[in-house]
Protein backbone atom coordinates (compact mmCIF):
# COMPACT_ATOMS: atom_id res chain seq x y z
CA MET A 1 4.98 -21.06 15.59
CA SER A 2 2.20 -18.72 14.43
CA ARG A 3 2.26 -17.17 10.97
CA LEU A 4 4.13 -13.91 10.41
CA VAL A 5 3.08 -10.80 8.46
CA PHE A 6 5.47 -7.98 7.49
CA ILE A 7 3.75 -4.59 6.95
CA THR A 8 5.25 -1.26 5.90
CA GLY A 9 3.65 2.08 6.75
CA ALA A 10 2.41 0.55 9.98
CA SER A 11 2.33 3.66 12.16
CA SER A 12 -1.12 4.89 11.05
CA GLY A 13 -4.02 4.53 8.62
CA ILE A 14 -4.34 1.41 6.49
CA GLY A 15 -1.09 -0.09 7.73
CA GLN A 16 -2.09 0.13 11.37
CA ALA A 17 -5.58 -1.23 10.62
CA LEU A 18 -4.05 -4.18 8.74
CA ALA A 19 -1.72 -4.86 11.66
CA ALA A 20 -4.68 -4.99 14.04
CA ARG A 21 -6.64 -7.29 11.73
CA PHE A 22 -3.78 -9.73 11.19
CA HIS A 23 -3.06 -9.76 14.93
CA ARG A 24 -6.68 -10.75 15.58
CA SER A 25 -6.25 -13.66 13.17
CA GLY A 26 -3.29 -14.92 15.21
CA HIS A 27 -0.38 -13.62 13.13
CA ARG A 28 2.83 -12.36 14.62
CA LEU A 29 3.67 -8.87 13.40
CA ALA A 30 6.76 -7.33 11.81
CA LEU A 31 5.89 -3.64 11.57
CA VAL A 32 7.92 -1.13 9.58
CA ALA A 33 7.63 2.64 9.94
CA ARG A 34 9.67 5.79 10.03
CA ARG A 35 8.05 6.54 13.39
CA THR A 36 8.55 3.35 15.37
CA ASP A 37 7.57 5.21 18.56
CA GLU A 38 4.03 5.45 17.14
CA VAL A 39 4.03 1.72 16.42
CA GLU A 40 5.27 0.94 19.93
CA ARG A 41 2.67 3.25 21.50
CA TRP A 42 -0.10 1.56 19.51
CA ALA A 43 1.07 -1.98 20.34
CA VAL A 44 1.44 -1.27 24.06
CA GLY A 45 -1.88 0.60 24.14
CA HIS A 46 -3.65 -2.41 22.64
CA GLY A 47 -2.02 -4.82 25.05
CA LEU A 48 -0.11 -6.83 22.44
CA ASP A 49 2.15 -9.53 23.83
CA PRO A 50 5.73 -8.26 23.32
CA ALA A 51 6.64 -11.66 21.89
CA SER A 52 4.04 -11.28 19.14
CA TRP A 53 5.41 -8.19 17.41
CA LYS A 54 8.52 -6.25 16.54
CA ALA A 55 9.01 -2.78 15.04
CA TYR A 56 11.63 -1.89 12.43
CA ARG A 57 12.61 1.69 11.70
CA ALA A 58 13.00 2.37 7.96
CA ASP A 59 11.96 4.82 5.27
CA VAL A 60 11.04 2.79 2.18
CA ARG A 61 12.71 5.46 -0.01
CA ASP A 62 16.00 4.39 1.57
CA VAL A 63 16.70 1.12 -0.26
CA ALA A 64 19.51 0.16 2.11
CA ALA A 65 17.31 0.72 5.16
CA ILE A 66 14.18 -1.09 3.98
CA THR A 67 16.05 -4.08 2.58
CA ALA A 68 18.03 -4.29 5.83
CA ALA A 69 14.74 -4.29 7.75
CA GLY A 70 13.59 -7.24 5.69
CA ARG A 71 16.78 -9.17 6.33
CA ASP A 72 16.59 -8.34 10.05
CA CYS A 73 13.03 -9.67 10.10
CA ILE A 74 14.10 -12.97 8.55
CA ALA A 75 17.00 -13.28 10.99
CA GLY A 76 15.00 -12.35 14.09
CA GLN A 77 11.43 -13.51 13.45
CA GLY A 78 11.71 -15.85 10.49
CA LEU A 79 10.58 -15.68 6.87
CA PRO A 80 7.12 -14.04 6.73
CA ASP A 81 4.11 -15.79 5.29
CA VAL A 82 2.70 -12.47 4.06
CA VAL A 83 4.52 -9.25 3.11
CA ILE A 84 2.37 -6.14 2.62
CA ALA A 85 3.99 -3.18 0.87
CA ASN A 86 1.62 -0.52 2.13
CA ALA A 87 3.76 2.59 2.71
CA GLY A 88 2.80 5.37 0.33
CA ILE A 89 2.35 9.10 -0.08
CA SER A 90 -0.16 11.22 -1.97
CA VAL A 91 0.56 14.87 -2.84
CA GLY A 92 -0.84 17.04 -5.61
CA VAL A 93 1.51 18.29 -8.31
CA ASP A 94 1.60 21.01 -10.95
CA THR A 95 4.13 20.27 -13.67
CA ALA A 96 4.51 24.02 -14.29
CA GLU A 97 6.10 24.30 -10.85
CA LEU A 98 9.78 23.31 -10.80
CA ALA A 99 9.63 22.35 -7.12
CA ASP A 100 6.93 19.77 -7.84
CA LEU A 101 9.37 17.66 -9.84
CA GLU A 102 10.94 16.76 -6.51
CA VAL A 103 7.48 15.87 -5.20
CA MET A 104 7.08 13.52 -8.16
CA ARG A 105 10.48 11.99 -7.44
CA ALA A 106 9.56 11.42 -3.79
CA THR A 107 6.20 9.90 -4.76
CA TRP A 108 7.70 7.43 -7.23
CA GLU A 109 10.58 6.57 -4.89
CA THR A 110 8.11 5.85 -2.07
CA ASN A 111 5.25 4.21 -3.94
CA ASN A 112 7.24 2.26 -6.56
CA LEU A 113 10.91 1.79 -5.71
CA GLY A 114 9.95 1.47 -2.04
CA LEU A 115 7.44 -1.26 -2.87
CA ALA A 116 9.96 -3.27 -4.88
CA ALA A 117 12.61 -2.79 -2.19
CA THR A 118 10.13 -4.01 0.44
CA PHE A 119 9.63 -7.27 -1.47
CA GLN A 120 13.27 -7.79 -2.48
CA PRO A 121 14.67 -9.46 0.68
CA PHE A 122 11.90 -12.06 0.68
CA VAL A 123 11.60 -13.15 -2.95
CA ALA A 124 14.46 -15.64 -3.20
CA ALA A 125 13.66 -17.24 0.18
CA MET A 126 9.95 -17.55 -0.66
CA ARG A 127 10.81 -19.10 -4.02
CA GLU A 128 13.04 -21.63 -2.28
CA ARG A 129 10.35 -22.38 0.32
CA ARG A 130 7.78 -22.45 -2.50
CA SER A 131 5.21 -20.49 -0.53
CA GLY A 132 4.39 -16.96 0.57
CA THR A 133 2.24 -14.02 -0.41
CA LEU A 134 3.41 -10.57 -1.51
CA VAL A 135 0.76 -7.85 -1.34
CA GLY A 136 1.01 -4.55 -3.18
CA ILE A 137 -1.30 -1.75 -2.06
CA ALA A 138 -2.21 0.14 -5.23
CA SER A 139 -5.25 2.42 -5.64
CA VAL A 140 -8.31 2.93 -7.81
CA ALA A 141 -6.54 6.18 -8.73
CA GLY A 142 -4.11 4.05 -10.73
CA ILE A 143 -6.79 3.20 -13.28
CA ARG A 144 -7.22 6.68 -14.79
CA GLY A 145 -5.32 9.93 -14.37
CA LEU A 146 -6.97 12.63 -12.27
CA PRO A 147 -6.20 16.36 -12.64
CA GLY A 148 -3.54 17.56 -10.23
CA HIS A 149 -2.88 13.99 -9.17
CA GLY A 150 -0.39 12.96 -11.84
CA ALA A 151 2.35 11.77 -9.50
CA TYR A 152 0.06 9.60 -7.38
CA CYS A 153 -2.04 8.22 -10.24
CA SER A 154 1.01 7.32 -12.30
CA SER A 155 2.73 5.71 -9.31
CA LYS A 156 -0.28 3.54 -8.52
CA ALA A 157 -0.71 2.56 -12.18
CA ALA A 158 2.89 1.39 -11.97
CA VAL A 159 2.13 -0.62 -8.83
CA ILE A 160 -0.65 -2.44 -10.68
CA SER A 161 1.58 -3.28 -13.66
CA TYR A 162 4.59 -4.19 -11.52
CA CYS A 163 2.59 -6.55 -9.32
CA GLU A 164 1.06 -8.18 -12.39
CA SER A 165 4.55 -8.77 -13.80
CA LEU A 166 5.78 -10.14 -10.49
CA ARG A 167 2.74 -12.40 -10.20
CA GLY A 168 3.64 -14.11 -13.46
CA GLU A 169 7.28 -14.49 -12.43
CA LEU A 170 6.56 -16.06 -9.04
CA ARG A 171 3.49 -18.19 -9.69
CA PRO A 172 5.57 -21.21 -10.88
CA PHE A 173 7.32 -21.20 -7.50
CA GLY A 174 4.14 -21.25 -5.42
CA VAL A 175 4.51 -17.60 -4.35
CA ARG A 176 1.37 -15.51 -4.75
CA VAL A 177 1.16 -11.81 -5.54
CA VAL A 178 -2.00 -9.96 -4.51
CA THR A 179 -2.82 -6.47 -5.76
CA ILE A 180 -5.24 -4.49 -3.57
CA LEU A 181 -6.82 -1.31 -4.95
CA PRO A 182 -8.39 0.77 -2.18
CA GLY A 183 -11.01 3.32 -3.06
CA TYR A 184 -11.51 6.22 -0.65
CA ILE A 185 -10.45 5.11 2.83
CA ASP A 186 -10.80 7.40 5.84
CA THR A 187 -7.15 7.92 6.82
CA PRO A 188 -4.82 10.90 7.33
CA LEU A 189 -3.93 10.52 3.62
CA THR A 190 -7.48 11.40 2.50
CA GLN A 191 -8.83 13.60 5.27
CA GLY A 192 -7.59 16.80 3.63
CA ASN A 193 -9.09 16.09 0.21
CA ARG A 194 -11.16 18.96 -1.22
CA TYR A 195 -13.40 16.82 -3.42
CA SER A 196 -16.19 14.32 -2.85
CA MET A 197 -15.15 10.79 -1.94
CA PRO A 198 -17.88 8.30 -2.88
CA PHE A 199 -18.19 5.08 -0.90
CA LEU A 200 -15.79 6.36 1.77
CA MET A 201 -14.83 3.45 4.02
CA SER A 202 -13.24 3.25 7.45
CA ALA A 203 -9.72 1.85 7.68
CA ASP A 204 -10.93 -1.00 9.89
CA ALA A 205 -13.63 -2.04 7.41
CA PHE A 206 -11.05 -1.90 4.62
CA ALA A 207 -8.65 -4.06 6.64
CA ASP A 208 -11.34 -6.73 7.15
CA ARG A 209 -11.96 -6.98 3.40
CA ALA A 210 -8.29 -6.82 2.49
CA HIS A 211 -7.52 -9.59 4.98
CA ALA A 212 -10.19 -11.76 3.34
CA ALA A 213 -8.82 -11.05 -0.15
CA ILE A 214 -5.27 -11.92 0.95
CA ALA A 215 -6.43 -15.12 2.65
CA ALA A 216 -8.24 -16.09 -0.56
CA GLN A 217 -5.06 -15.26 -2.55
CA ALA A 218 -7.07 -13.07 -4.89
CA SER A 219 -4.80 -11.76 -7.63
CA TYR A 220 -6.59 -8.38 -7.86
CA ARG A 221 -9.23 -6.84 -5.62
CA VAL A 222 -10.84 -3.40 -5.53
CA ILE A 223 -12.14 -2.39 -2.09
CA PRO A 224 -14.95 -1.44 -1.69
CA TRP A 225 -16.45 -3.38 -4.57
CA GLN A 226 -18.60 -0.41 -5.60
CA MET A 227 -15.45 1.49 -6.55
CA GLY A 228 -14.52 -1.41 -8.79
CA ILE A 229 -17.64 -0.79 -10.82
CA VAL A 230 -16.95 2.95 -10.91
CA ALA A 231 -13.38 2.28 -12.02
CA LYS A 232 -14.47 -0.01 -14.87
CA LEU A 233 -16.98 2.58 -16.06
CA MET A 234 -14.37 5.34 -15.90
CA ARG A 235 -11.88 3.20 -17.82
CA ALA A 236 -14.48 2.56 -20.54
CA LEU A 237 -15.33 6.24 -21.05
CA PRO A 238 -13.99 7.84 -24.23
CA ASN A 239 -11.34 10.45 -23.46
CA ALA A 240 -13.50 13.38 -24.54
CA LEU A 241 -16.31 12.36 -22.19
CA PHE A 242 -13.90 11.58 -19.36
CA ASP A 243 -12.28 15.02 -19.73
CA ARG A 244 -15.65 16.79 -19.64
CA LEU A 245 -16.73 14.79 -16.60
CA LEU A 246 -13.67 15.90 -14.64
CA ALA A 247 -13.71 19.51 -15.82
CA GLY A 248 -13.75 21.83 -12.80
CA ARG A 249 -13.03 19.05 -10.32
CA PRO A 250 -10.94 20.38 -7.41
CA ARG A 251 -7.30 19.38 -7.69
CA LYS A 252 -5.37 17.46 -5.08
CA GLN A 253 -3.57 19.88 -2.75
CA ARG A 254 0.05 20.57 -3.54
CA ARG A 255 2.58 20.48 -0.71
CA GLY A 256 2.00 23.45 1.58
CA GLU A 257 -1.52 24.18 0.32
CA THR A 258 -4.51 24.03 2.64
């Protein structure tokens, strides 16, 4: 039987591009989304063999739903070879606004708790099998905090640290953990940004490079590589210089802003 990949956030953007790339490499697909009708429309439109994929409806913020989707996948399609926790949200916040505390809660529940809950059903079985790859989609934005982007930056910094911790826990059992840090990828998540996005990359090009990094079992990979250099330089800047560099930079839109 062909290898199986489990992907959250598969209805659009990076998740959909990763699904297409893994399908081309011969993987069967377990695709998780809140909008499974979009997944089904995409799969049928691309002529995918119905036996090669299955959609699971779940919101990763709902721990019961996403862990049930994982268990259903194991029962119906088998234990995946690769699990990609891709579902995420990005919304600007202003801590002076009381309503934005709920935006922060939703961001952390989606990007952090949702990621851990995505992995949870598979960890024990992968340890017992002594193989498998868990992939966390982080972001270059997790390396330094950006004005107006505190919820997203902090959530992605947590993804990086969490995956590093998990990598150390699972390595003795033959289970790999891969952390992917996208730069600016042309998806619905970034198309409304009001600031420049250097080295902007298409979702399909990103998926090709992410697929290669996962196949190589790279522990940590920034895509595109140019953003890795930018990130290292930004991390090395003294705080005073970093603050001056970002002074006047447009903030990420808050919910409801255009």
